[in-house]
Amino acid sequence: MTVTQQDFMMVWHRIMEEEELYTKPCPLCGGENTYVEDACKECNGDMCDYNVICDNPSCALIGPVRETPESAAEIWNDRSGFNKSQ
C-alpha cells in the first residue's frame, strides 16, 4: 500500500484536531475559528514549519511562521511577533 501526501495530510490534520492547541481569536477580525496549520504545503512531514490561520474567509489572517505548533500558537496568542522576524 502506498501512502500519498494527501493521506499523510489527512492523518496529520486528525492528530492536530485531537491535540488542538488553544489559539486566541483573530486580532484583525475577532473571529474565533483560528487554528495551527503547517506552513509548508508541500512537505513530507519532515522539517515542517507552522503558523496560525484565521478561518474567516473575509479575513484569512496568517500568523508568523514558527518551528513548532506550540510556538506558533504562543506567538499568535502573545501578539508580539506579528511584525518581527524569527
Protein backbone atom coordinates (compact mmCIF):
# COMPACT_ATOMS: atom_id res chain seq x y z
CA MET A 1 0.00 0.00 0.00
CA THR A 2 1.35 3.40 -0.98
CA VAL A 3 0.76 6.36 1.30
CA THR A 4 0.15 9.57 -0.60
CA GLN A 5 0.78 13.10 0.58
CA GLN A 6 -2.99 13.57 0.82
CA ASP A 7 -3.22 10.53 3.12
CA PHE A 8 -0.46 11.95 5.28
CA MET A 9 -2.13 15.38 5.47
CA MET A 10 -5.49 13.84 6.46
CA VAL A 11 -3.83 11.92 9.31
CA TRP A 12 -1.81 14.99 10.34
CA HIS A 13 -4.95 17.15 10.47
CA ARG A 14 -6.75 14.49 12.52
CA ILE A 15 -3.86 14.42 15.01
CA MET A 16 -3.80 18.22 15.20
CA GLU A 17 -7.56 18.25 15.89
CA GLU A 18 -7.10 15.76 18.72
CA GLU A 19 -4.22 17.74 20.19
CA GLU A 20 -5.64 21.12 19.27
CA LEU A 21 -3.70 23.98 20.77
CA TYR A 22 -5.55 26.92 22.24
CA THR A 23 -5.46 29.97 19.97
CA LYS A 24 -6.97 33.34 20.76
CA PRO A 25 -9.48 34.95 18.40
CA CYS A 26 -8.11 36.72 15.36
CA PRO A 27 -6.57 40.12 16.23
CA LEU A 28 -7.78 41.55 12.91
CA CYS A 29 -11.43 40.45 12.63
CA GLY A 30 -12.12 38.95 16.06
CA GLY A 31 -13.07 35.61 14.50
CA GLU A 32 -12.87 32.74 16.95
CA ASN A 33 -12.20 29.97 14.44
CA THR A 34 -8.40 30.04 14.44
CA TYR A 35 -6.11 27.02 14.30
CA VAL A 36 -2.50 25.91 13.92
CA GLU A 37 -1.58 24.69 10.45
CA ASP A 38 1.60 23.52 8.80
CA ALA A 39 3.06 26.39 6.82
CA CYS A 40 4.72 24.24 4.16
CA LYS A 41 2.05 22.90 1.85
CA GLU A 42 4.38 20.52 0.01
CA CYS A 43 6.21 18.98 2.97
CA ASN A 44 6.53 15.29 3.57
CA GLY A 45 6.30 15.64 7.34
CA ASP A 46 9.96 16.46 7.85
CA MET A 47 11.09 19.91 8.90
CA CYS A 48 7.64 21.50 8.69
CA ASP A 49 7.04 25.00 9.96
CA TYR A 50 3.73 26.10 11.50
CA ASN A 51 1.53 29.15 11.78
CA VAL A 52 -1.94 30.06 12.98
CA ILE A 53 -4.69 30.76 10.46
CA CYS A 54 -7.93 32.71 10.83
CA ASP A 55 -10.64 30.62 9.14
CA ASN A 56 -12.87 33.62 8.39
CA PRO A 57 -12.92 33.77 4.54
CA SER A 58 -13.20 37.56 4.54
CA CYS A 59 -10.10 37.86 6.76
CA ALA A 60 -7.80 34.81 6.46
CA LEU A 61 -5.02 36.39 8.54
CA ILE A 62 -1.95 34.17 8.75
CA GLY A 63 0.30 34.37 11.80
CA PRO A 64 4.09 34.31 11.86
CA VAL A 65 5.81 31.06 10.88
CA ARG A 66 7.50 29.13 13.69
CA GLU A 67 9.27 25.78 14.03
CA THR A 68 6.72 24.08 16.30
CA PRO A 69 2.92 24.16 16.59
CA GLU A 70 3.28 25.25 20.21
CA SER A 71 5.50 28.23 19.35
CA ALA A 72 3.15 29.25 16.52
CA ALA A 73 0.20 29.24 18.96
CA GLU A 74 2.27 31.08 21.57
CA ILE A 75 3.31 33.91 19.22
CA TRP A 76 -0.29 34.23 17.93
CA ASN A 77 -1.68 34.40 21.44
CA ASP A 78 1.05 36.78 22.62
CA ARG A 79 0.61 39.06 19.57
CA SER A 80 4.23 40.19 19.92
CA GLY A 81 5.60 38.52 16.80
CA PHE A 82 3.37 39.88 14.08
CA ASN A 83 5.93 42.46 12.98
CA LYS A 84 9.11 40.58 13.89
CA SER A 85 11.18 38.04 12.05
CA GLN A 86 12.17 34.79 13.73
